[in-house]
Amino acid sequence: MLLLLCGLSLVSRRGAAQNVPIISGSVGMLSETNEGVNFFQPVVAPVFAVPLGSHLLAEGRFNFDGVYIQDNRTGPYRGSLFKSTQILQMDYVVNSRLTVVVGQSLVPFNTYNERLSELWQQNFQDAPLIAAVGTRDSGTAVGMQLRSNAFANDHVQVSYIGWFSKRQKRFSLNGTRAIGDRLDIVFPNKRIEIGTSFTRRLQDTRYNSLGAHFYWLPWRSPLQVRAEYAHDPHSQGYWIENSYRLSQIHGPDSFFGRMEPFFRMQQSFRNSPGAGDGLPDVDTKLADFGLDYHLSHEVRFNSSYSRKFAKGADGNIWGLSLTYRFIFPAWPGKKS
């Protein structure tokens, strides 16, 4: 994941240098059977990055999706189409250490919301049980962020995000009045990242949310380990996910090399009633198993199975999806 983010950042910098807008995103067809109820969801999620000179970058991310549920498990599918704005922001690169972000942005609490919620980045269709902690409501915030590369050398890199948001319910934008921050520490020689997050909700019922995350990508193995913990006054929980691309078997483009099995273990604990906080009403445990098959041209087939353990609500969840990721410049750039 760290290498992927670095690669996307490099593309963005090259595009910015030539002032060429980048269009990316994903298209997917998702299906799921959750405790016997069948769902079907088509998704189109475009992303735009438009450089405006050497210091400004406009970004947008939108979702167009439908949710269709089968009547009585054997009848026709019925549902609706939805659209949402997830990112609509302007980035001002002050210098190599500071970037100011204004507009609607993803809430930078832990890492799932910013790094893994995009369709083509997800290993599982369903977000972790604790995904709503610190990002309550839509997971977006209308306001300002200060993103700083505070310190970096060959052994450690430290970055910091401070942000605030205002209440917003107009023009298809969503936001809650809150403040927060996130601290990320990367050890490049060990390919390890650790971090902490904090959110203070400032409207209606005021409360704090705390989080921590951990990433590890070993040097000599295509293994990825990701984990998060989150806590608020009513609930807390964790998830840990491992994935292993079988690229060491005859290369990444071989039959087995295109396979990537993964596993996620997660739990949420209900400390006290908290209606509308987005977490299960009772203590819940999920064991998630999945397999990606990476086809050519950024096409991916995904299958997954989850076993849910909760008081009075044990059940199975089966998922299948086919996604396509695209990225291209809006027009050819100048040769460097």
C-alpha atoms as a PDB file:
ATOM      1  CA  MET A   1       0.000   0.000   0.000  1.00  0.00           C
ATOM      2  CA  LEU A   2       2.802   2.419   0.804  1.00  0.00           C
ATOM      3  CA  LEU A   3       4.378   1.780  -2.595  1.00  0.00           C
ATOM      4  CA  LEU A   4       1.013   2.205  -4.297  1.00  0.00           C
ATOM      5  CA  LEU A   5       0.474   5.571  -2.658  1.00  0.00           C
ATOM      6  CA  CYS A   6       3.970   6.674  -3.623  1.00  0.00           C
ATOM      7  CA  GLY A   7       3.291   5.646  -7.213  1.00  0.00           C
ATOM      8  CA  LEU A   8       0.054   7.619  -7.375  1.00  0.00           C
ATOM      9  CA  SER A   9       1.786  10.604  -5.814  1.00  0.00           C
ATOM     10  CA  LEU A  10       4.478  10.420  -8.497  1.00  0.00           C
ATOM     11  CA  VAL A  11       1.834  10.365 -11.239  1.00  0.00           C
ATOM     12  CA  SER A  12       0.166  13.380  -9.664  1.00  0.00           C
ATOM     13  CA  ARG A  13       3.426  15.300  -9.469  1.00  0.00           C
ATOM     14  CA  ARG A  14       4.259  14.586 -13.106  1.00  0.00           C
ATOM     15  CA  GLY A  15       0.748  15.586 -14.151  1.00  0.00           C
ATOM     16  CA  ALA A  16       1.013  18.763 -12.101  1.00  0.00           C
ATOM     17  CA  ALA A  17       4.341  19.637 -13.686  1.00  0.00           C
ATOM     18  CA  GLN A  18       2.724  19.528 -17.126  1.00  0.00           C
ATOM     19  CA  ASN A  19      -0.657  20.922 -15.975  1.00  0.00           C
ATOM     20  CA  VAL A  20      -2.431  17.889 -17.423  1.00  0.00           C
ATOM     21  CA  PRO A  21      -5.657  16.833 -15.631  1.00  0.00           C
ATOM     22  CA  ILE A  22      -5.743  13.184 -14.546  1.00  0.00           C
ATOM     23  CA  ILE A  23      -8.958  11.169 -14.741  1.00  0.00           C
ATOM     24  CA  SER A  24      -9.085   7.962 -12.738  1.00  0.00           C
ATOM     25  CA  GLY A  25     -11.510   5.846 -10.785  1.00  0.00           C
ATOM     26  CA  SER A  26     -13.245   2.516 -10.995  1.00  0.00           C
ATOM     27  CA  VAL A  27     -16.315   0.688 -12.261  1.00  0.00           C
ATOM     28  CA  GLY A  28     -17.715  -2.322 -10.472  1.00  0.00           C
ATOM     29  CA  MET A  29     -20.497  -4.868 -10.308  1.00  0.00           C
ATOM     30  CA  LEU A  30     -20.981  -6.161  -6.753  1.00  0.00           C
ATOM     31  CA  SER A  31     -23.261  -8.839  -5.378  1.00  0.00           C
ATOM     32  CA  GLU A  32     -23.695 -10.080  -1.826  1.00  0.00           C
ATOM     33  CA  THR A  33     -25.800 -12.543   0.128  1.00  0.00           C
ATOM     34  CA  ASN A  34     -26.044 -11.380   3.736  1.00  0.00           C
ATOM     35  CA  GLU A  35     -27.742 -13.911   6.015  1.00  0.00           C
ATOM     36  CA  GLY A  36     -29.911 -15.091   3.124  1.00  0.00           C
ATOM     37  CA  VAL A  37     -30.769 -11.616   1.744  1.00  0.00           C
ATOM     38  CA  ASN A  38     -29.457 -10.991  -1.783  1.00  0.00           C
ATOM     39  CA  PHE A  39     -28.046  -7.591  -2.819  1.00  0.00           C
ATOM     40  CA  PHE A  40     -26.817  -6.309  -6.159  1.00  0.00           C
ATOM     41  CA  GLN A  41     -24.861  -3.056  -6.566  1.00  0.00           C
ATOM     42  CA  PRO A  42     -23.478  -1.436  -9.740  1.00  0.00           C
ATOM     43  CA  VAL A  43     -20.938   1.329  -9.009  1.00  0.00           C
ATOM     44  CA  VAL A  44     -19.189   4.038 -11.040  1.00  0.00           C
ATOM     45  CA  ALA A  45     -16.662   6.075  -9.024  1.00  0.00           C
ATOM     46  CA  PRO A  46     -14.714   8.671 -11.065  1.00  0.00           C
ATOM     47  CA  VAL A  47     -11.860  10.751  -9.618  1.00  0.00           C
ATOM     48  CA  PHE A  48     -10.466  13.970 -11.100  1.00  0.00           C
ATOM     49  CA  ALA A  49      -7.181  15.747 -10.363  1.00  0.00           C
ATOM     50  CA  VAL A  50      -6.686  19.076 -12.179  1.00  0.00           C
ATOM     51  CA  PRO A  51      -3.358  20.920 -11.692  1.00  0.00           C
ATOM     52  CA  LEU A  52      -3.677  24.715 -11.814  1.00  0.00           C
ATOM     53  CA  GLY A  53      -0.085  25.839 -12.064  1.00  0.00           C
ATOM     54  CA  SER A  54       2.730  24.597  -9.863  1.00  0.00           C
ATOM     55  CA  HIS A  55       1.023  25.173  -6.482  1.00  0.00           C
ATOM     56  CA  LEU A  56      -2.706  24.465  -6.921  1.00  0.00           C
ATOM     57  CA  LEU A  57      -4.482  21.158  -7.491  1.00  0.00           C
ATOM     58  CA  ALA A  58      -8.267  20.728  -7.740  1.00  0.00           C
ATOM     59  CA  GLU A  59      -9.596  17.280  -6.821  1.00  0.00           C
ATOM     60  CA  GLY A  60     -12.996  15.627  -7.080  1.00  0.00           C
ATOM     61  CA  ARG A  61     -14.307  12.156  -6.283  1.00  0.00           C
ATOM     62  CA  PHE A  62     -17.897  11.116  -6.915  1.00  0.00           C
ATOM     63  CA  ASN A  63     -19.983   7.977  -6.533  1.00  0.00           C
ATOM     64  CA  PHE A  64     -22.842   6.827  -8.731  1.00  0.00           C
ATOM     65  CA  ASP A  65     -24.248   3.576  -7.455  1.00  0.00           C
ATOM     66  CA  GLY A  66     -27.419   1.583  -7.145  1.00  0.00           C
ATOM     67  CA  VAL A  67     -28.592  -0.733  -4.384  1.00  0.00           C
ATOM     68  CA  TYR A  68     -31.006  -3.491  -5.399  1.00  0.00           C
ATOM     69  CA  ILE A  69     -32.454  -6.040  -2.969  1.00  0.00           C
ATOM     70  CA  GLN A  70     -34.230  -9.216  -3.999  1.00  0.00           C
ATOM     71  CA  ASP A  71     -37.819  -9.544  -2.766  1.00  0.00           C
ATOM     72  CA  ASN A  72     -38.448 -12.612  -0.633  1.00  0.00           C
ATOM     73  CA  ARG A  73     -35.088 -14.101  -1.711  1.00  0.00           C
ATOM     74  CA  THR A  74     -36.571 -15.472  -4.959  1.00  0.00           C
ATOM     75  CA  GLY A  75     -38.510 -12.544  -6.432  1.00  0.00           C
ATOM     76  CA  PRO A  76     -37.382  -9.584  -8.574  1.00  0.00           C
ATOM     77  CA  TYR A  77     -34.744  -7.078  -7.496  1.00  0.00           C
ATOM     78  CA  ARG A  78     -35.974  -3.642  -6.393  1.00  0.00           C
ATOM     79  CA  GLY A  79     -33.887  -0.623  -5.508  1.00  0.00           C
ATOM     80  CA  SER A  80     -32.733   2.869  -6.337  1.00  0.00           C
ATOM     81  CA  LEU A  81     -29.828   4.793  -7.831  1.00  0.00           C
ATOM     82  CA  PHE A  82     -27.789   7.213  -5.715  1.00  0.00           C
ATOM     83  CA  LYS A  83     -25.107   9.811  -6.274  1.00  0.00           C
ATOM     84  CA  SER A  84     -22.772  11.413  -3.776  1.00  0.00           C
ATOM     85  CA  THR A  85     -19.839  13.817  -3.610  1.00  0.00           C
ATOM     86  CA  GLN A  86     -16.982  12.465  -1.537  1.00  0.00           C
ATOM     87  CA  ILE A  87     -14.202  14.901  -2.445  1.00  0.00           C
ATOM     88  CA  LEU A  88     -14.453  18.408  -3.862  1.00  0.00           C
ATOM     89  CA  GLN A  89     -11.358  20.244  -2.693  1.00  0.00           C
ATOM     90  CA  MET A  90      -8.536  22.595  -3.605  1.00  0.00           C
ATOM     91  CA  ASP A  91      -4.970  21.777  -2.536  1.00  0.00           C
ATOM     92  CA  TYR A  92      -2.448  24.580  -2.171  1.00  0.00           C
ATOM     93  CA  VAL A  93       1.133  23.297  -2.023  1.00  0.00           C
ATOM     94  CA  VAL A  94       2.882  25.969   0.039  1.00  0.00           C
ATOM     95  CA  ASN A  95       6.253  24.196  -0.055  1.00  0.00           C
ATOM     96  CA  SER A  96       7.696  20.692   0.218  1.00  0.00           C
ATOM     97  CA  ARG A  97       6.640  20.486   3.867  1.00  0.00           C
ATOM     98  CA  LEU A  98       3.142  22.020   3.925  1.00  0.00           C
ATOM     99  CA  THR A  99      -0.069  21.635   1.911  1.00  0.00           C
ATOM    100  CA  VAL A 100      -3.309  23.462   2.699  1.00  0.00           C
ATOM    101  CA  VAL A 101      -6.554  21.724   1.691  1.00  0.00           C
ATOM    102  CA  VAL A 102      -9.900  23.569   1.497  1.00  0.00           C
ATOM    103  CA  GLY A 103     -13.298  22.113   0.592  1.00  0.00           C
ATOM    104  CA  GLN A 104     -14.988  18.745   1.115  1.00  0.00           C
ATOM    105  CA  SER A 105     -12.464  16.050   1.992  1.00  0.00           C
ATOM    106  CA  LEU A 106     -12.424  12.552   3.423  1.00  0.00           C
ATOM    107  CA  VAL A 107     -12.034  12.633   7.191  1.00  0.00           C
ATOM    108  CA  PRO A 108      -8.416  11.613   7.965  1.00  0.00           C
ATOM    109  CA  PHE A 109      -9.245   9.418  10.965  1.00  0.00           C
ATOM    110  CA  ASN A 110      -7.116   6.251  10.953  1.00  0.00           C
ATOM    111  CA  THR A 111      -6.479   5.108   7.365  1.00  0.00           C
ATOM    112  CA  TYR A 112      -9.396   3.070   6.023  1.00  0.00           C
ATOM    113  CA  ASN A 113     -11.535   6.079   5.095  1.00  0.00           C
ATOM    114  CA  GLU A 114      -8.784   7.834   3.097  1.00  0.00           C
ATOM    115  CA  ARG A 115      -6.751   4.932   1.671  1.00  0.00           C
ATOM    116  CA  LEU A 116      -8.955   1.859   1.418  1.00  0.00           C
ATOM    117  CA  SER A 117     -12.564   2.966   0.943  1.00  0.00           C
ATOM    118  CA  GLU A 118     -12.201   3.445  -2.830  1.00  0.00           C
ATOM    119  CA  LEU A 119     -13.787   0.577  -4.778  1.00  0.00           C
ATOM    120  CA  TRP A 120     -10.590  -0.680  -6.469  1.00  0.00           C
ATOM    121  CA  GLN A 121      -8.649  -0.568  -3.175  1.00  0.00           C
ATOM    122  CA  GLN A 122     -11.075  -2.688  -1.155  1.00  0.00           C
ATOM    123  CA  ASN A 123     -10.381  -6.334  -0.447  1.00  0.00           C
ATOM    124  CA  PHE A 124     -13.842  -6.728   1.081  1.00  0.00           C
ATOM    125  CA  GLN A 125     -17.096  -5.161  -0.064  1.00  0.00           C
ATOM    126  CA  ASP A 126     -18.137  -4.313   3.490  1.00  0.00           C
ATOM    127  CA  ALA A 127     -16.187  -1.731   5.473  1.00  0.00           C
ATOM    128  CA  PRO A 128     -14.766  -2.748   8.873  1.00  0.00           C
ATOM    129  CA  LEU A 129     -17.204  -2.742  11.773  1.00  0.00           C
ATOM    130  CA  ILE A 130     -15.438   0.254  13.360  1.00  0.00           C
ATOM    131  CA  ALA A 131     -15.222   2.335  10.162  1.00  0.00           C
ATOM    132  CA  ALA A 132     -17.808   4.842  11.476  1.00  0.00           C
ATOM    133  CA  VAL A 133     -15.786   5.697  14.596  1.00  0.00           C
ATOM    134  CA  GLY A 134     -14.226   9.136  14.099  1.00  0.00           C
ATOM    135  CA  THR A 135     -15.802   9.509  10.642  1.00  0.00           C
ATOM    136  CA  ARG A 136     -19.463   9.458  11.666  1.00  0.00           C
ATOM    137  CA  ASP A 137     -22.156  10.486   9.176  1.00  0.00           C
ATOM    138  CA  SER A 138     -20.831  10.447   5.605  1.00  0.00           C
ATOM    139  CA  GLY A 139     -17.096  10.094   6.303  1.00  0.00           C
ATOM    140  CA  THR A 140     -16.530  13.520   4.730  1.00  0.00           C
ATOM    141  CA  ALA A 141     -15.833  16.958   6.168  1.00  0.00           C
ATOM    142  CA  VAL A 142     -16.285  20.450   4.723  1.00  0.00           C
ATOM    143  CA  GLY A 143     -13.539  22.700   6.040  1.00  0.00           C
ATOM    144  CA  MET A 144      -9.746  22.953   6.020  1.00  0.00           C
ATOM    145  CA  GLN A 145      -6.778  20.648   6.489  1.00  0.00           C
ATOM    146  CA  LEU A 146      -3.110  21.394   7.119  1.00  0.00           C
ATOM    147  CA  ARG A 147      -0.998  18.473   5.905  1.00  0.00           C
ATOM    148  CA  SER A 148       2.651  18.667   6.914  1.00  0.00           C
ATOM    149  CA  ASN A 149       5.749  16.574   6.192  1.00  0.00           C
ATOM    150  CA  ALA A 150       7.201  17.467   9.558  1.00  0.00           C
ATOM    151  CA  PHE A 151      10.451  15.502   9.419  1.00  0.00           C
ATOM    152  CA  ALA A 152      12.199  13.022   7.140  1.00  0.00           C
ATOM    153  CA  ASN A 153      15.532  11.237   6.846  1.00  0.00           C
ATOM    154  CA  ASP A 154      16.683   7.788   5.701  1.00  0.00           C
ATOM    155  CA  HIS A 155      15.406   6.136   8.886  1.00  0.00           C
ATOM    156  CA  VAL A 156      12.145   7.840   9.824  1.00  0.00           C
ATOM    157  CA  GLN A 157       9.502  10.042   8.215  1.00  0.00           C
ATOM    158  CA  VAL A 158       6.933  11.968  10.251  1.00  0.00           C
ATOM    159  CA  SER A 159       3.806  13.579   8.820  1.00  0.00           C
ATOM    160  CA  TYR A 160       0.956  15.400  10.543  1.00  0.00           C
ATOM    161  CA  ILE A 161      -2.588  16.376   9.575  1.00  0.00           C
ATOM    162  CA  GLY A 162      -4.617  18.937  11.511  1.00  0.00           C
ATOM    163  CA  TRP A 163      -8.174  19.686  10.387  1.00  0.00           C
ATOM    164  CA  PHE A 164     -11.495  21.268  11.255  1.00  0.00           C
ATOM    165  CA  SER A 165     -14.888  21.028   9.602  1.00  0.00           C
ATOM    166  CA  LYS A 166     -18.139  22.979   9.658  1.00  0.00           C
ATOM    167  CA  ARG A 167     -21.712  21.792   9.577  1.00  0.00           C
ATOM    168  CA  GLN A 168     -22.882  21.458   5.972  1.00  0.00           C
ATOM    169  CA  LYS A 169     -26.048  19.975   4.495  1.00  0.00           C
ATOM    170  CA  ARG A 170     -26.383  21.882   1.214  1.00  0.00           C
ATOM    171  CA  PHE A 171     -25.433  21.425  -2.428  1.00  0.00           C
ATOM    172  CA  SER A 172     -25.051  17.624  -2.007  1.00  0.00           C
ATOM    173  CA  LEU A 173     -22.143  18.264   0.403  1.00  0.00           C
ATOM    174  CA  ASN A 174     -22.076  16.702   3.863  1.00  0.00           C
ATOM    175  CA  GLY A 175     -20.187  17.610   6.977  1.00  0.00           C
ATOM    176  CA  THR A 176     -20.236  17.734  10.763  1.00  0.00           C
ATOM    177  CA  ARG A 177     -18.680  20.432  12.936  1.00  0.00           C
ATOM    178  CA  ALA A 178     -15.543  18.832  14.368  1.00  0.00           C
ATOM    179  CA  ILE A 179     -11.790  19.124  14.796  1.00  0.00           C
ATOM    180  CA  GLY A 180      -9.125  16.451  14.678  1.00  0.00           C
ATOM    181  CA  ASP A 181      -5.627  15.380  13.777  1.00  0.00           C
ATOM    182  CA  ARG A 182      -3.561  12.398  12.695  1.00  0.00           C
ATOM    183  CA  LEU A 183       0.112  11.619  13.233  1.00  0.00           C
ATOM    184  CA  ASP A 184       1.875   9.151  10.900  1.00  0.00           C
ATOM    185  CA  ILE A 185       5.376   7.767  11.483  1.00  0.00           C
ATOM    186  CA  VAL A 186       7.002   5.683   8.728  1.00  0.00           C
ATOM    187  CA  PHE A 187      10.182   3.636   9.087  1.00  0.00           C
ATOM    188  CA  PRO A 188      11.173   3.159   5.408  1.00  0.00           C
ATOM    189  CA  ASN A 189      13.996   0.695   6.111  1.00  0.00           C
ATOM    190  CA  LYS A 190      11.553  -1.578   7.941  1.00  0.00           C
ATOM    191  CA  ARG A 191       8.563  -0.725   5.706  1.00  0.00           C
ATOM    192  CA  ILE A 192       6.481  -0.101   8.806  1.00  0.00           C
ATOM    193  CA  GLU A 193       3.994   2.690   9.488  1.00  0.00           C
ATOM    194  CA  ILE A 194       2.304   3.504  12.786  1.00  0.00           C
ATOM    195  CA  GLY A 195      -0.050   6.341  13.581  1.00  0.00           C
ATOM    196  CA  THR A 196      -2.622   7.845  15.930  1.00  0.00           C
ATOM    197  CA  SER A 197      -5.839   9.760  15.255  1.00  0.00           C
ATOM    198  CA  PHE A 198      -8.124  12.069  17.241  1.00  0.00           C
ATOM    199  CA  THR A 199     -11.544  13.593  16.513  1.00  0.00           C
ATOM    200  CA  ARG A 200     -13.584  15.980  18.666  1.00  0.00           C
ATOM    201  CA  ARG A 201     -17.228  16.286  17.612  1.00  0.00           C
ATOM    202  CA  LEU A 202     -18.477  19.835  18.299  1.00  0.00           C
ATOM    203  CA  GLN A 203     -22.177  19.712  17.447  1.00  0.00           C
ATOM    204  CA  ASP A 204     -25.162  18.105  19.153  1.00  0.00           C
ATOM    205  CA  THR A 205     -23.654  15.607  21.616  1.00  0.00           C
ATOM    206  CA  ARG A 206     -19.949  16.415  21.987  1.00  0.00           C
ATOM    207  CA  TYR A 207     -17.459  13.605  22.421  1.00  0.00           C
ATOM    208  CA  ASN A 208     -13.953  12.416  21.511  1.00  0.00           C
ATOM    209  CA  SER A 209     -12.888   9.537  19.258  1.00  0.00           C
ATOM    210  CA  LEU A 210      -9.421   7.985  19.400  1.00  0.00           C
ATOM    211  CA  GLY A 211      -7.692   5.700  16.909  1.00  0.00           C
ATOM    212  CA  ALA A 212      -4.432   3.963  16.055  1.00  0.00           C
ATOM    213  CA  HIS A 213      -3.193   2.157  12.940  1.00  0.00           C
ATOM    214  CA  PHE A 214      -0.333  -0.132  11.876  1.00  0.00           C
ATOM    215  CA  TYR A 215       0.994  -1.116   8.406  1.00  0.00           C
ATOM    216  CA  TRP A 216       3.770  -3.543   7.515  1.00  0.00           C
ATOM    217  CA  LEU A 217       5.042  -4.559   4.066  1.00  0.00           C
ATOM    218  CA  PRO A 218       8.031  -6.924   4.425  1.00  0.00           C
ATOM    219  CA  TRP A 219      10.869  -6.358   1.959  1.00  0.00           C
ATOM    220  CA  ARG A 220      11.237  -9.877   0.581  1.00  0.00           C
ATOM    221  CA  SER A 221       7.640 -11.036   0.638  1.00  0.00           C
ATOM    222  CA  PRO A 222       4.430  -9.855  -1.116  1.00  0.00           C
ATOM    223  CA  LEU A 223       2.708  -9.836   2.277  1.00  0.00           C
ATOM    224  CA  GLN A 224       0.670  -6.881   3.518  1.00  0.00           C
ATOM    225  CA  VAL A 225      -0.412  -6.478   7.133  1.00  0.00           C
ATOM    226  CA  ARG A 226      -2.834  -3.715   8.116  1.00  0.00           C
ATOM    227  CA  ALA A 227      -4.585  -3.080  11.414  1.00  0.00           C
ATOM    228  CA  GLU A 228      -6.647  -0.395  13.135  1.00  0.00           C
ATOM    229  CA  TYR A 229      -8.114   0.261  16.564  1.00  0.00           C
ATOM    230  CA  ALA A 230     -10.787   2.860  17.319  1.00  0.00           C
ATOM    231  CA  HIS A 231     -12.619   4.002  20.453  1.00  0.00           C
ATOM    232  CA  ASP A 232     -15.432   6.400  21.245  1.00  0.00           C
ATOM    233  CA  PRO A 233     -17.673   6.807  24.347  1.00  0.00           C
ATOM    234  CA  HIS A 234     -20.165   4.118  23.269  1.00  0.00           C
ATOM    235  CA  SER A 235     -18.064   1.521  21.490  1.00  0.00           C
ATOM    236  CA  GLN A 236     -14.625   0.330  20.503  1.00  0.00           C
ATOM    237  CA  GLY A 237     -13.077  -2.297  18.299  1.00  0.00           C
ATOM    238  CA  TYR A 238     -10.292  -3.393  16.000  1.00  0.00           C
ATOM    239  CA  TRP A 239      -9.590  -5.074  12.682  1.00  0.00           C
ATOM    240  CA  ILE A 240      -6.464  -6.740  11.338  1.00  0.00           C
ATOM    241  CA  GLU A 241      -6.080  -7.792   7.708  1.00  0.00           C
ATOM    242  CA  ASN A 242      -3.412  -9.864   5.948  1.00  0.00           C
ATOM    243  CA  SER A 243      -3.029 -10.375   2.204  1.00  0.00           C
ATOM    244  CA  TYR A 244      -0.426 -12.319   0.217  1.00  0.00           C
ATOM    245  CA  ARG A 245      -0.028 -12.029  -3.555  1.00  0.00           C
ATOM    246  CA  LEU A 246       1.217 -15.366  -4.917  1.00  0.00           C
ATOM    247  CA  SER A 247       3.578 -13.589  -7.320  1.00  0.00           C
ATOM    248  CA  GLN A 248       6.506 -15.718  -6.171  1.00  0.00           C
ATOM    249  CA  ILE A 249       4.993 -18.675  -8.014  1.00  0.00           C
ATOM    250  CA  HIS A 250       6.219 -18.232 -11.608  1.00  0.00           C
ATOM    251  CA  GLY A 251       5.859 -14.423 -11.508  1.00  0.00           C
ATOM    252  CA  PRO A 252       2.946 -11.989 -11.052  1.00  0.00           C
ATOM    253  CA  ASP A 253       1.446 -12.711 -14.486  1.00  0.00           C
ATOM    254  CA  SER A 254       1.263 -16.472 -14.076  1.00  0.00           C
ATOM    255  CA  PHE A 255      -1.966 -18.305 -13.247  1.00  0.00           C
ATOM    256  CA  PHE A 256      -1.117 -18.581  -9.558  1.00  0.00           C
ATOM    257  CA  GLY A 257       0.797 -15.294  -9.462  1.00  0.00           C
ATOM    258  CA  ARG A 258      -2.433 -13.395 -10.199  1.00  0.00           C
ATOM    259  CA  MET A 259      -4.058 -14.795  -7.050  1.00  0.00           C
ATOM    260  CA  GLU A 260      -4.128 -12.866  -3.773  1.00  0.00           C
ATOM    261  CA  PRO A 261      -5.777 -14.568  -0.781  1.00  0.00           C
ATOM    262  CA  PHE A 262      -6.541 -12.438   2.257  1.00  0.00           C
ATOM    263  CA  PHE A 263      -8.008 -12.692   5.724  1.00  0.00           C
ATOM    264  CA  ARG A 264      -9.501 -10.130   8.118  1.00  0.00           C
ATOM    265  CA  MET A 265     -10.384 -10.580  11.759  1.00  0.00           C
ATOM    266  CA  GLN A 266     -12.453  -7.898  13.434  1.00  0.00           C
ATOM    267  CA  GLN A 267     -14.428  -7.244  16.593  1.00  0.00           C
ATOM    268  CA  SER A 268     -16.573  -4.435  17.940  1.00  0.00           C
ATOM    269  CA  PHE A 269     -17.527  -4.012  21.595  1.00  0.00           C
ATOM    270  CA  ARG A 270     -20.603  -2.110  22.731  1.00  0.00           C
ATOM    271  CA  ASN A 271     -19.762  -0.113  25.859  1.00  0.00           C
ATOM    272  CA  SER A 272     -23.164   1.587  26.143  1.00  0.00           C
ATOM    273  CA  PRO A 273     -26.198   2.329  23.933  1.00  0.00           C
ATOM    274  CA  GLY A 274     -25.378   4.765  21.119  1.00  0.00           C
ATOM    275  CA  ALA A 275     -28.172   4.989  18.581  1.00  0.00           C
ATOM    276  CA  GLY A 276     -27.052   6.101  15.125  1.00  0.00           C
ATOM    277  CA  ASP A 277     -23.306   5.732  15.696  1.00  0.00           C
ATOM    278  CA  GLY A 278     -22.971   3.259  12.821  1.00  0.00           C
ATOM    279  CA  LEU A 279     -21.716   0.322  14.911  1.00  0.00           C
ATOM    280  CA  PRO A 280     -23.482  -2.932  15.830  1.00  0.00           C
ATOM    281  CA  ASP A 281     -25.853  -2.756  18.796  1.00  0.00           C
ATOM    282  CA  VAL A 282     -24.218  -5.786  20.453  1.00  0.00           C
ATOM    283  CA  ASP A 283     -20.710  -7.178  20.688  1.00  0.00           C
ATOM    284  CA  THR A 284     -19.882  -8.588  17.246  1.00  0.00           C
ATOM    285  CA  LYS A 285     -17.077 -10.693  15.812  1.00  0.00           C
ATOM    286  CA  LEU A 286     -16.400 -11.277  12.104  1.00  0.00           C
ATOM    287  CA  ALA A 287     -13.952 -13.644  10.431  1.00  0.00           C
ATOM    288  CA  ASP A 288     -13.553 -12.627   6.765  1.00  0.00           C
ATOM    289  CA  PHE A 289     -11.899 -14.733   4.055  1.00  0.00           C
ATOM    290  CA  GLY A 290     -11.362 -13.678   0.465  1.00  0.00           C
ATOM    291  CA  LEU A 291      -9.528 -14.177  -2.805  1.00  0.00           C
ATOM    292  CA  ASP A 292      -8.632 -11.624  -5.479  1.00  0.00           C
ATOM    293  CA  TYR A 293      -7.749 -12.700  -8.993  1.00  0.00           C
ATOM    294  CA  HIS A 294      -5.903  -9.926 -10.822  1.00  0.00           C
ATOM    295  CA  LEU A 295      -6.715 -10.083 -14.516  1.00  0.00           C
ATOM    296  CA  SER A 296      -4.882  -7.985 -17.107  1.00  0.00           C
ATOM    297  CA  HIS A 297      -5.684  -4.339 -17.852  1.00  0.00           C
ATOM    298  CA  GLU A 298      -6.557  -3.455 -14.223  1.00  0.00           C
ATOM    299  CA  VAL A 299      -9.514  -5.863 -14.026  1.00  0.00           C
ATOM    300  CA  ARG A 300     -10.007  -7.727 -10.756  1.00  0.00           C
ATOM    301  CA  PHE A 301     -12.337 -10.527  -9.721  1.00  0.00           C
ATOM    302  CA  ASN A 302     -13.078 -10.746  -5.994  1.00  0.00           C
ATOM    303  CA  SER A 303     -14.793 -13.414  -3.913  1.00  0.00           C
ATOM    304  CA  SER A 304     -15.253 -13.429  -0.150  1.00  0.00           C
ATOM    305  CA  TYR A 305     -16.925 -15.239   2.720  1.00  0.00           C
ATOM    306  CA  SER A 306     -17.562 -13.919   6.232  1.00  0.00           C
ATOM    307  CA  ARG A 307     -18.829 -15.639   9.334  1.00  0.00           C
ATOM    308  CA  LYS A 308     -20.587 -13.337  11.773  1.00  0.00           C
ATOM    309  CA  PHE A 309     -20.792 -14.069  15.493  1.00  0.00           C
ATOM    310  CA  ALA A 310     -23.162 -11.876  17.507  1.00  0.00           C
ATOM    311  CA  LYS A 311     -25.789 -12.438  20.170  1.00  0.00           C
ATOM    312  CA  GLY A 312     -28.901 -13.586  18.356  1.00  0.00           C
ATOM    313  CA  ALA A 313     -27.481 -12.638  14.951  1.00  0.00           C
ATOM    314  CA  ASP A 314     -24.997 -15.300  13.823  1.00  0.00           C
ATOM    315  CA  GLY A 315     -24.866 -15.664  10.058  1.00  0.00           C
ATOM    316  CA  ASN A 316     -22.928 -16.030   6.811  1.00  0.00           C
ATOM    317  CA  ILE A 317     -22.048 -13.329   4.272  1.00  0.00           C
ATOM    318  CA  TRP A 318     -21.007 -14.238   0.706  1.00  0.00           C
ATOM    319  CA  GLY A 319     -19.677 -11.704  -1.792  1.00  0.00           C
ATOM    320  CA  LEU A 320     -18.659 -11.570  -5.460  1.00  0.00           C
ATOM    321  CA  SER A 321     -17.482  -8.568  -7.452  1.00  0.00           C
ATOM    322  CA  LEU A 322     -15.823  -7.598 -10.706  1.00  0.00           C
ATOM    323  CA  THR A 323     -14.035  -4.236 -10.806  1.00  0.00           C
ATOM    324  CA  TYR A 324     -12.093  -2.263 -13.370  1.00  0.00           C
ATOM    325  CA  ARG A 325      -9.682   0.516 -12.468  1.00  0.00           C
ATOM    326  CA  PHE A 326      -8.830   3.218 -15.004  1.00  0.00           C
ATOM    327  CA  ILE A 327      -6.388   6.132 -15.050  1.00  0.00           C
ATOM    328  CA  PHE A 328      -5.417   8.356 -17.960  1.00  0.00           C
ATOM    329  CA  PRO A 329      -4.547  11.995 -18.706  1.00  0.00           C
ATOM    330  CA  ALA A 330      -7.322  14.218 -20.052  1.00  0.00           C
ATOM    331  CA  TRP A 331      -5.009  15.044 -22.971  1.00  0.00           C
ATOM    332  CA  PRO A 332      -1.412  14.160 -23.920  1.00  0.00           C
ATOM    333  CA  GLY A 333       1.213  16.027 -21.937  1.00  0.00           C
ATOM    334  CA  LYS A 334       4.436  17.515 -23.152  1.00  0.00           C
ATOM    335  CA  LYS A 335       7.394  15.202 -23.365  1.00  0.00           C
ATOM    336  CA  SER A 336       9.885  15.876 -20.585  1.00  0.00           C
END
